[in-house]
Amino acid sequence: MNSHSQQYANLASDAYSPYAPGRRARGLEEKVRIDEVTYKVIEHVDRPSGYQGTIYQRLDTGAIVVAHRGTEFGREFVKDGLLADGGMIAARVNRQADDAIGLTRRAVEYAQGLKHELGRDVPVTVTGHSLGGCLAQISAYRFGLGGETFNPYGAASLRDRIPEGGIQVLNHVMAGDMVSAAGRHFGRVRMYAVEQEVDTLTRVGRYADNGDRLDIRYALPAAAAGWESHRMHHFLPVDGEGRRDRSVLDDPQAQRLAQQHRPMFDKYRSDMLLTREGASIAAALAQGARGMAGELLRHLPDRPQSPFDETVRRLPPLPAAAPSDPRLAGHPDHRMYGQVRAGVAAIQQGQGLARGEDGERTAASLLVLAKRSGLSRVDQIVAGHAPGQPEQLFVVQGDPRDPAHIRAQMSAADAAKTPVAESLRELAALNARAPAQALAPDAQDRTRPAPMRPH
């Protein structure tokens, strides 16, 4: 086994090795052979902040990889667990980012020097596990690099205003991992699962193995019982005891299992994200006005520099600073959008469809429908149709069996073809009219239509 992703996983794991700190002299670099690939160690750092990282270079291709070490639970537990990981969860302050950026900068400069010598580009990429994966996302964003990470804490949850999503970095996560679930990620996310994770969520967390968002569930006990999911060995050809095993990267069943139970895993990971975001707000409150100002400023867009920048920075955020896209945290309809998107994803999975742009357009259309129809939350999305009629999608607030429930419907085809930008414009207009509408009786489509006919 020697896949591209497996090579990154091997280096993310090897980054835990206790190499001697320092830059190696040319020709005197130690060699390390992993899974039939030989690398030389260009530099290793070990900083007082607790940060450790290694620059590797492949002997065959010359490609350079910066591996940021992740969270150890040995000698560095206090530094990593309390200062770095705890800092991100409570106040989004990553105490090791500057050291990681510094090492990555030296790798880029080293590659530029080789380019002058060799007359060709020398690629630089990044990798890391856990905290190291977060540092890899940060450094990839800072220098425009690619890379792959493993169970990372999401860098888009830091106050550095790193955007969520994109294709620069591929983030491999175990479905039951609480660390990668607790942050929003820079780059794509690819999820894997093992049967033990399914068992933990259903048995300990009491999660319903479906898209029902109203089940009574226990995320934190499930997270505590499933801490094994965070370990690096899942991405290596060994088990937790170092015995030969199969990496999830090399096991198609791991992705199939994650997809099969996707609604349940999505609920759990959403619960962990909400728990972490609540902890961030609680920590900000504990710090008083300055802490809350920092938490609010994190959501503001970047501003142009000006002589009055420091003065403006001290002012409270204006309402207009809220994101205009409900897919972003801080938008007043972000929670409802998440409810709609989860319902659409469950329908797509039930129909054997992959997530894609159709799902994004459908979710945005249904969010507008729900807002226009006076729903305050979306408990279910139901697909149905009358004989000989096009498929309809229903947004439902409450139990459909309860006569007091509220629902609205629209054509599935119309929902899927309406551009997201058009839906966002209509959503903004609805929100702008909301104060005036609140003073008048609601005559919107909040009737009790004919019984839904599910597929």
Protein backbone atom coordinates (compact mmCIF):
# COMPACT_ATOMS: atom_id res chain seq x y z
CA MET A 1 0.00 0.00 0.00
CA ASN A 2 1.48 3.31 -1.08
CA SER A 3 -1.38 5.66 -1.94
CA HIS A 4 -0.96 9.41 -2.07
CA SER A 5 -3.08 9.93 1.05
CA GLN A 6 -1.31 7.11 2.87
CA GLN A 7 2.03 8.82 2.36
CA TYR A 8 0.67 11.93 4.06
CA ALA A 9 -0.70 9.81 6.91
CA ASN A 10 2.68 8.14 7.33
CA LEU A 11 4.40 11.51 7.70
CA ALA A 12 1.71 12.89 10.02
CA SER A 13 2.42 9.89 12.24
CA ASP A 14 6.20 10.12 11.91
CA ALA A 15 6.01 13.76 13.02
CA TYR A 16 5.65 12.39 16.56
CA SER A 17 9.21 10.97 16.31
CA PRO A 18 11.76 12.63 18.65
CA TYR A 19 14.22 13.93 16.05
CA ALA A 20 17.01 16.19 17.24
CA PRO A 21 16.02 19.84 16.80
CA GLY A 22 17.78 21.96 14.20
CA ARG A 23 18.45 22.44 10.49
CA ARG A 24 20.53 19.70 8.86
CA ALA A 25 23.65 20.45 6.86
CA ARG A 26 23.43 19.58 3.17
CA GLY A 27 24.39 15.97 2.64
CA LEU A 28 24.16 15.10 6.35
CA GLU A 29 20.40 14.71 6.65
CA GLU A 30 19.19 11.51 8.31
CA LYS A 31 17.08 9.22 6.12
CA VAL A 32 13.79 7.63 7.10
CA ARG A 33 12.07 4.93 5.05
CA ILE A 34 8.31 4.57 5.44
CA ASP A 35 6.15 2.21 3.40
CA GLU A 36 8.73 1.86 0.61
CA VAL A 37 9.32 5.62 0.32
CA THR A 38 12.56 7.20 1.55
CA TYR A 39 12.67 10.74 2.91
CA LYS A 40 15.41 12.90 4.33
CA VAL A 41 14.83 15.14 7.33
CA ILE A 42 15.66 18.74 6.43
CA GLU A 43 14.74 20.35 9.74
CA HIS A 44 13.02 19.55 13.01
CA VAL A 45 11.87 22.10 15.58
CA ASP A 46 10.80 21.75 19.22
CA ARG A 47 9.62 25.06 20.68
CA PRO A 48 8.78 26.21 24.23
CA SER A 49 5.18 26.69 23.07
CA GLY A 50 4.98 22.91 22.74
CA TYR A 51 5.07 23.06 18.95
CA GLN A 52 7.05 20.40 17.11
CA GLY A 53 7.31 19.99 13.36
CA THR A 54 9.48 18.40 10.71
CA ILE A 55 10.38 19.26 7.11
CA TYR A 56 10.71 16.10 4.99
CA GLN A 57 11.93 15.76 1.41
CA ARG A 58 11.36 12.72 -0.78
CA LEU A 59 14.56 11.34 -2.26
CA ASP A 60 12.91 10.18 -5.48
CA THR A 61 10.83 13.22 -6.46
CA GLY A 62 12.33 15.99 -4.32
CA ALA A 63 8.86 16.99 -3.09
CA ILE A 64 8.79 18.67 0.33
CA VAL A 65 6.24 18.02 3.06
CA VAL A 66 5.94 19.99 6.29
CA ALA A 67 4.48 17.74 9.00
CA HIS A 68 3.08 19.49 12.06
CA ARG A 69 3.00 17.27 15.14
CA GLY A 70 -0.39 16.61 16.71
CA THR A 71 -1.58 16.15 20.27
CA GLU A 72 0.47 13.78 22.40
CA PHE A 73 -0.86 12.51 25.69
CA GLY A 74 2.55 11.97 27.20
CA ARG A 75 5.05 14.63 28.17
CA GLU A 76 3.26 17.39 26.28
CA PHE A 77 -0.24 16.80 27.69
CA VAL A 78 -0.33 20.00 29.72
CA LYS A 79 0.99 22.17 26.89
CA ASP A 80 -1.08 20.59 24.13
CA GLY A 81 -4.20 19.67 26.05
CA LEU A 82 -4.59 22.73 28.27
CA LEU A 83 -2.91 25.53 26.34
CA ALA A 84 -3.28 24.65 22.67
CA ASP A 85 -6.38 22.47 22.27
CA GLY A 86 -8.10 24.00 25.28
CA GLY A 87 -7.24 27.46 24.02
CA MET A 88 -8.87 26.80 20.67
CA ILE A 89 -12.04 25.41 22.17
CA ALA A 90 -12.43 28.11 24.81
CA ALA A 91 -11.05 31.22 23.13
CA ARG A 92 -9.85 30.13 19.67
CA VAL A 93 -6.31 31.15 20.42
CA ASN A 94 -3.77 28.80 18.94
CA ARG A 95 -0.56 29.34 20.85
CA GLN A 96 1.53 27.33 18.40
CA ALA A 97 0.47 28.89 15.09
CA ASP A 98 3.38 31.34 14.80
CA ASP A 99 5.94 28.55 15.21
CA ALA A 100 4.13 26.39 12.64
CA ILE A 101 3.99 29.28 10.18
CA GLY A 102 7.68 29.95 10.74
CA LEU A 103 8.67 26.36 9.91
CA THR A 104 6.44 26.34 6.84
CA ARG A 105 7.96 29.62 5.66
CA ARG A 106 11.44 28.10 5.88
CA ALA A 107 10.28 25.09 3.86
CA VAL A 108 8.92 27.39 1.15
CA GLU A 109 12.17 29.38 1.10
CA TYR A 110 14.18 26.15 0.90
CA ALA A 111 12.09 25.03 -2.09
CA GLN A 112 12.60 28.38 -3.79
CA GLY A 113 16.36 27.98 -3.39
CA LEU A 114 16.20 24.52 -4.95
CA LYS A 115 14.21 25.91 -7.85
CA HIS A 116 17.09 28.23 -8.72
CA GLU A 117 19.53 25.31 -8.51
CA LEU A 118 17.45 22.74 -10.39
CA GLY A 119 15.60 24.98 -12.81
CA ARG A 120 12.20 23.49 -11.87
CA ASP A 121 9.54 23.93 -9.23
CA VAL A 122 9.83 21.92 -6.02
CA PRO A 123 6.34 21.39 -4.55
CA VAL A 124 5.68 22.07 -0.86
CA THR A 125 2.66 20.62 0.92
CA VAL A 126 1.58 20.19 4.54
CA THR A 127 0.16 17.49 6.78
CA GLY A 128 -0.67 16.83 10.41
CA HIS A 129 -2.93 14.98 12.84
CA SER A 130 -5.22 16.54 15.46
CA LEU A 131 -3.70 19.86 16.54
CA GLY A 132 -1.10 19.32 13.84
CA GLY A 133 -3.89 19.10 11.27
CA CYS A 134 -5.20 22.46 12.42
CA LEU A 135 -1.71 23.94 12.09
CA ALA A 136 -1.49 22.41 8.61
CA GLN A 137 -4.75 24.13 7.62
CA ILE A 138 -3.47 27.44 8.99
CA SER A 139 -0.13 27.22 7.17
CA ALA A 140 -1.78 26.01 3.95
CA TYR A 141 -4.05 29.05 4.01
CA ARG A 142 -1.20 31.42 4.84
CA PHE A 143 1.10 30.26 2.01
CA GLY A 144 -1.41 28.96 -0.54
CA LEU A 145 -0.27 25.34 -0.17
CA GLY A 146 -2.05 22.03 -0.61
CA GLY A 147 -1.98 19.12 1.77
CA GLU A 148 -3.89 16.48 3.68
CA THR A 149 -4.78 16.27 7.37
CA PHE A 150 -6.10 13.60 9.73
CA ASN A 151 -8.75 14.19 12.40
CA PRO A 152 -7.83 17.90 12.50
CA TYR A 153 -9.44 20.56 14.61
CA GLY A 154 -10.89 22.96 12.04
CA ALA A 155 -8.89 26.14 11.51
CA ALA A 156 -11.94 27.99 10.18
CA SER A 157 -13.15 28.07 13.79
CA LEU A 158 -10.23 30.25 14.87
CA ARG A 159 -10.48 34.02 15.00
CA ASP A 160 -7.94 34.34 12.16
CA ARG A 161 -10.90 34.54 9.76
CA ILE A 162 -9.73 31.58 7.75
CA PRO A 163 -12.62 30.68 5.41
CA GLU A 164 -14.49 27.42 5.59
CA GLY A 165 -14.41 25.00 2.65
CA GLY A 166 -12.44 25.08 -0.59
CA ILE A 167 -10.34 22.40 -2.26
CA GLN A 168 -6.83 23.33 -1.13
CA VAL A 169 -6.68 20.81 1.72
CA LEU A 170 -8.21 17.34 2.03
CA ASN A 171 -9.20 16.59 5.62
CA HIS A 172 -9.67 12.91 6.50
CA VAL A 173 -11.88 12.40 9.57
CA MET A 174 -13.26 9.48 11.53
CA ALA A 175 -17.01 9.89 11.85
CA GLY A 176 -17.01 9.56 15.64
CA ASP A 177 -14.05 11.86 16.27
CA MET A 178 -15.07 14.70 18.57
CA VAL A 179 -12.02 16.87 17.78
CA SER A 180 -12.57 17.18 14.04
CA ALA A 181 -16.32 17.51 14.65
CA ALA A 182 -15.85 20.52 16.94
CA GLY A 183 -14.47 22.91 14.32
CA ARG A 184 -15.21 24.17 10.83
CA HIS A 185 -12.60 23.16 8.28
CA PHE A 186 -10.52 24.93 5.68
CA GLY A 187 -10.71 22.52 2.75
CA ARG A 188 -12.73 19.42 1.92
CA VAL A 189 -13.75 16.80 4.47
CA ARG A 190 -13.75 13.06 3.73
CA MET A 191 -15.37 10.87 6.38
CA TYR A 192 -14.66 7.27 7.37
CA ALA A 193 -16.31 5.00 9.94
CA VAL A 194 -15.85 1.69 11.71
CA GLU A 195 -18.56 -0.45 13.31
CA GLN A 196 -17.42 0.50 16.80
CA GLU A 197 -18.41 4.12 16.11
CA VAL A 198 -21.89 3.10 15.00
CA ASP A 199 -22.26 1.06 18.18
CA THR A 200 -21.02 3.89 20.42
CA LEU A 201 -23.45 6.46 19.03
CA THR A 202 -26.47 4.15 19.15
CA ARG A 203 -25.70 2.43 22.47
CA VAL A 204 -24.06 5.21 24.52
CA GLY A 205 -25.31 8.33 22.76
CA ARG A 206 -28.80 6.91 22.11
CA TYR A 207 -28.70 8.40 18.61
CA ALA A 208 -31.48 7.33 16.26
CA ASP A 209 -29.76 5.90 13.19
CA ASN A 210 -31.69 8.15 10.81
CA GLY A 211 -32.19 11.80 9.98
CA ASP A 212 -34.62 12.47 12.85
CA ARG A 213 -33.34 15.63 14.52
CA LEU A 214 -35.85 15.36 17.37
CA ASP A 215 -34.45 12.20 18.97
CA ILE A 216 -33.23 12.49 22.57
CA ARG A 217 -29.47 11.96 22.39
CA TYR A 218 -26.36 12.34 24.52
CA ALA A 219 -23.41 13.73 22.58
CA LEU A 220 -20.89 14.22 25.39
CA PRO A 221 -21.15 10.67 26.84
CA ALA A 222 -20.78 9.35 23.28
CA ALA A 223 -17.73 11.56 22.73
CA ALA A 224 -16.12 10.35 25.96
CA ALA A 225 -16.80 6.71 25.13
CA GLY A 226 -15.59 7.15 21.56
CA TRP A 227 -12.28 8.95 22.19
CA GLU A 228 -10.53 6.06 20.43
CA SER A 229 -11.83 7.52 17.15
CA HIS A 230 -9.34 10.37 17.43
CA ARG A 231 -6.24 8.18 17.37
CA MET A 232 -3.93 8.29 14.38
CA HIS A 233 -3.68 4.53 13.95
CA HIS A 234 -7.01 4.45 12.08
CA PHE A 235 -5.18 5.99 9.11
CA LEU A 236 -2.21 3.62 9.34
CA PRO A 237 -1.76 -0.07 8.47
CA VAL A 238 -1.53 -0.91 12.20
CA ASP A 239 -3.98 -1.08 15.09
CA GLY A 240 -3.75 0.75 18.40
CA GLU A 241 -1.22 -1.78 19.68
CA GLY A 242 1.06 -1.51 16.64
CA ARG A 243 -0.06 -4.81 15.10
CA ARG A 244 -0.68 -5.11 11.37
CA ASP A 245 -4.12 -3.86 10.40
CA ARG A 246 -5.87 -2.17 7.50
CA SER A 247 -5.86 1.61 7.15
CA VAL A 248 -9.28 3.18 6.57
CA LEU A 249 -7.63 4.98 3.66
CA ASP A 250 -7.21 1.58 2.01
CA ASP A 251 -10.59 0.17 3.05
CA PRO A 252 -13.56 1.11 0.80
CA GLN A 253 -15.94 -0.22 3.45
CA ALA A 254 -14.90 2.60 5.81
CA GLN A 255 -16.31 5.25 3.49
CA ARG A 256 -19.37 3.14 2.65
CA LEU A 257 -20.15 2.70 6.34
CA ALA A 258 -19.82 6.44 6.95
CA GLN A 259 -22.20 7.14 4.07
CA GLN A 260 -24.65 4.44 5.18
CA HIS A 261 -24.98 6.04 8.63
CA ARG A 262 -24.41 9.61 7.46
CA PRO A 263 -27.57 11.16 8.98
CA MET A 264 -26.65 9.85 12.43
CA PHE A 265 -23.01 10.90 12.15
CA ASP A 266 -24.04 14.34 10.85
CA LYS A 267 -26.27 14.81 13.90
CA TYR A 268 -23.45 13.87 16.25
CA ARG A 269 -20.89 16.08 14.56
CA SER A 270 -23.35 18.98 14.49
CA ASP A 271 -24.00 18.46 18.21
CA MET A 272 -20.26 18.58 18.95
CA LEU A 273 -19.87 21.77 16.91
CA LEU A 274 -22.72 23.46 18.77
CA THR A 275 -21.24 22.31 22.09
CA ARG A 276 -17.85 23.81 21.20
CA GLU A 277 -19.38 27.05 19.98
CA GLY A 278 -21.30 27.28 23.24
CA ALA A 279 -18.07 26.76 25.17
CA SER A 280 -16.45 29.58 23.20
CA ILE A 281 -19.24 31.97 24.10
CA ALA A 282 -19.13 30.88 27.75
CA ALA A 283 -15.38 31.49 27.85
CA ALA A 284 -15.84 34.90 26.25
CA LEU A 285 -18.47 35.82 28.83
CA ALA A 286 -16.11 34.76 31.60
CA GLN A 287 -13.55 37.24 30.24
CA GLY A 288 -16.06 40.08 30.37
CA ALA A 289 -16.50 42.79 27.76
CA ARG A 290 -13.10 42.26 26.17
CA GLY A 291 -13.75 38.55 25.69
CA MET A 292 -17.16 39.11 24.12
CA ALA A 293 -15.72 41.82 21.87
CA GLY A 294 -13.15 39.35 20.60
CA GLU A 295 -15.81 36.71 19.97
CA LEU A 296 -18.01 39.18 18.08
CA LEU A 297 -15.13 40.66 16.09
CA ARG A 298 -14.30 37.17 14.81
CA HIS A 299 -17.45 37.29 12.69
CA LEU A 300 -16.73 40.68 11.14
CA PRO A 301 -15.38 40.80 7.56
CA ASP A 302 -11.85 42.05 7.06
CA ARG A 303 -11.68 45.84 7.01
CA PRO A 304 -9.27 48.03 5.05
CA GLN A 305 -6.46 49.46 7.12
CA SER A 306 -6.88 53.07 8.16
CA PRO A 307 -5.37 55.49 10.70
CA PHE A 308 -8.53 54.95 12.77
CA ASP A 309 -8.35 51.15 12.68
CA GLU A 310 -7.56 50.75 16.37
CA THR A 311 -10.43 53.07 17.31
CA VAL A 312 -12.87 51.22 15.09
CA ARG A 313 -11.67 47.92 16.51
CA ARG A 314 -12.88 49.04 19.93
CA LEU A 315 -16.42 49.78 18.75
CA PRO A 316 -19.19 47.19 19.10
CA PRO A 317 -20.12 45.40 15.87
CA LEU A 318 -22.95 46.86 13.83
CA PRO A 319 -25.95 44.70 12.92
CA ALA A 320 -24.97 45.03 9.25
CA ALA A 321 -21.79 43.08 10.01
CA ALA A 322 -23.72 39.81 10.26
CA PRO A 323 -22.98 37.45 7.35
CA SER A 324 -25.42 37.66 4.44
CA ASP A 325 -25.17 33.93 3.74
CA PRO A 326 -27.14 31.60 6.07
CA ARG A 327 -24.50 28.93 5.53
CA LEU A 328 -22.14 31.01 7.68
CA ALA A 329 -22.18 31.05 11.46
CA GLY A 330 -23.51 34.37 12.71
CA HIS A 331 -26.35 34.65 10.19
CA PRO A 332 -29.74 34.80 11.99
CA ASP A 333 -31.02 31.88 9.91
CA HIS A 334 -27.88 29.74 10.17
CA ARG A 335 -29.50 27.26 12.56
CA MET A 336 -32.61 26.87 10.41
CA TYR A 337 -30.45 26.43 7.32
CA GLY A 338 -28.62 23.60 9.10
CA GLN A 339 -31.96 21.93 9.84
CA VAL A 340 -33.03 22.23 6.21
CA ARG A 341 -29.68 21.07 4.82
CA ALA A 342 -29.70 18.00 7.06
CA GLY A 343 -33.20 17.11 5.91
CA VAL A 344 -32.28 17.52 2.25
CA ALA A 345 -29.15 15.39 2.75
CA ALA A 346 -31.25 12.63 4.34
CA ILE A 347 -33.61 12.61 1.35
CA GLN A 348 -30.69 12.54 -1.09
CA GLN A 349 -29.15 9.62 0.75
CA GLY A 350 -32.46 7.75 0.79
CA GLN A 351 -32.72 8.21 -2.96
CA GLY A 352 -29.12 7.13 -3.51
CA LEU A 353 -28.01 10.58 -4.66
CA ALA A 354 -24.65 12.18 -3.90
CA ARG A 355 -24.49 15.56 -2.20
CA GLY A 356 -23.79 18.35 -4.63
CA GLU A 357 -24.91 21.65 -6.05
CA ASP A 358 -28.51 20.43 -6.42
CA GLY A 359 -28.61 19.91 -2.67
CA GLU A 360 -27.27 23.40 -2.00
CA ARG A 361 -29.86 24.98 -4.31
CA THR A 362 -32.65 22.87 -2.83
CA ALA A 363 -31.68 23.74 0.75
CA ALA A 364 -31.54 27.46 -0.02
CA SER A 365 -34.93 27.34 -1.77
CA LEU A 366 -36.56 25.46 1.11
CA LEU A 367 -35.10 27.86 3.67
CA VAL A 368 -36.76 30.75 1.83
CA LEU A 369 -40.01 28.76 1.67
CA ALA A 370 -39.90 28.11 5.42
CA LYS A 371 -39.22 31.75 6.23
CA ARG A 372 -41.90 32.98 3.83
CA SER A 373 -44.39 30.54 5.35
CA GLY A 374 -43.77 31.67 8.91
CA LEU A 375 -41.91 28.64 10.25
CA SER A 376 -39.54 29.33 13.13
CA ARG A 377 -37.77 25.99 12.79
CA VAL A 378 -37.72 23.01 10.42
CA ASP A 379 -38.18 19.67 12.13
CA GLN A 380 -38.54 17.56 9.00
CA ILE A 381 -38.18 17.67 5.24
CA VAL A 382 -40.52 15.21 3.55
CA ALA A 383 -40.61 14.22 -0.11
CA GLY A 384 -43.95 13.15 -1.54
CA HIS A 385 -46.26 13.40 -4.51
CA ALA A 386 -49.81 12.71 -5.61
CA PRO A 387 -50.28 10.08 -8.34
CA GLY A 388 -49.24 11.46 -11.69
CA GLN A 389 -47.94 14.70 -10.17
CA PRO A 390 -44.35 16.02 -9.89
CA GLU A 391 -42.46 15.36 -6.68
CA GLN A 392 -43.08 17.89 -3.92
CA LEU A 393 -40.91 18.79 -0.94
CA PHE A 394 -42.54 19.70 2.37
CA VAL A 395 -40.92 21.74 5.14
CA VAL A 396 -42.54 20.79 8.44
CA GLN A 397 -42.57 22.41 11.86
CA GLY A 398 -43.91 20.07 14.53
CA ASP A 399 -45.21 16.52 14.31
CA PRO A 400 -47.08 15.90 11.02
CA ARG A 401 -49.60 13.86 13.04
CA ASP A 402 -50.40 16.91 15.18
CA PRO A 403 -53.17 19.09 13.67
CA ALA A 404 -51.29 22.15 14.94
CA HIS A 405 -48.21 21.47 12.85
CA ILE A 406 -47.16 23.95 10.17
CA ARG A 407 -45.93 23.00 6.74
CA ALA A 408 -45.36 24.42 3.31
CA GLN A 409 -44.49 22.81 0.01
CA MET A 410 -42.88 23.45 -3.33
CA SER A 411 -41.87 21.50 -6.40
CA ALA A 412 -38.65 19.54 -5.94
CA ALA A 413 -37.62 20.45 -9.48
CA ASP A 414 -38.16 24.16 -8.86
CA ALA A 415 -36.21 23.98 -5.61
CA ALA A 416 -33.27 22.27 -7.29
CA LYS A 417 -33.00 24.67 -10.21
CA THR A 418 -33.34 27.99 -8.34
CA PRO A 419 -29.86 29.55 -8.08
CA VAL A 420 -28.54 29.93 -4.55
CA ALA A 421 -27.82 33.62 -5.17
CA GLU A 422 -31.46 34.22 -6.10
CA SER A 423 -32.65 32.48 -2.93
CA LEU A 424 -30.24 34.52 -0.81
CA ARG A 425 -31.56 37.76 -2.29
CA GLU A 426 -35.13 36.73 -1.50
CA LEU A 427 -34.11 35.68 2.01
CA ALA A 428 -32.51 39.08 2.62
CA ALA A 429 -35.68 40.80 1.41
CA LEU A 430 -37.83 38.63 3.69
CA ASN A 431 -35.66 39.43 6.68
CA ALA A 432 -35.77 43.13 5.87
CA ARG A 433 -39.59 43.02 5.82
CA ALA A 434 -39.85 40.88 8.96
CA PRO A 435 -40.33 43.72 11.50
CA ALA A 436 -43.26 45.15 9.55
CA GLN A 437 -44.84 41.74 9.00
CA ALA A 438 -44.65 41.03 12.70
CA LEU A 439 -47.25 43.78 13.28
CA ALA A 440 -49.80 42.29 10.87
CA PRO A 441 -51.72 38.98 10.88
CA ASP A 442 -49.83 36.29 9.02
CA ALA A 443 -51.73 35.39 5.88
CA GLN A 444 -48.90 33.41 4.38
CA ASP A 445 -49.12 29.75 3.28
CA ARG A 446 -49.51 28.29 6.76
CA THR A 447 -52.62 26.27 6.00
CA ARG A 448 -53.09 22.57 6.49
CA PRO A 449 -52.72 21.17 2.96
CA ALA A 450 -53.99 17.81 1.84
CA PRO A 451 -52.24 14.86 3.49
CA MET A 452 -48.67 14.34 2.34
CA ARG A 453 -48.03 11.23 0.31
CA PRO A 454 -44.50 10.10 1.13
CA HIS A 455 -42.61 7.92 -1.34
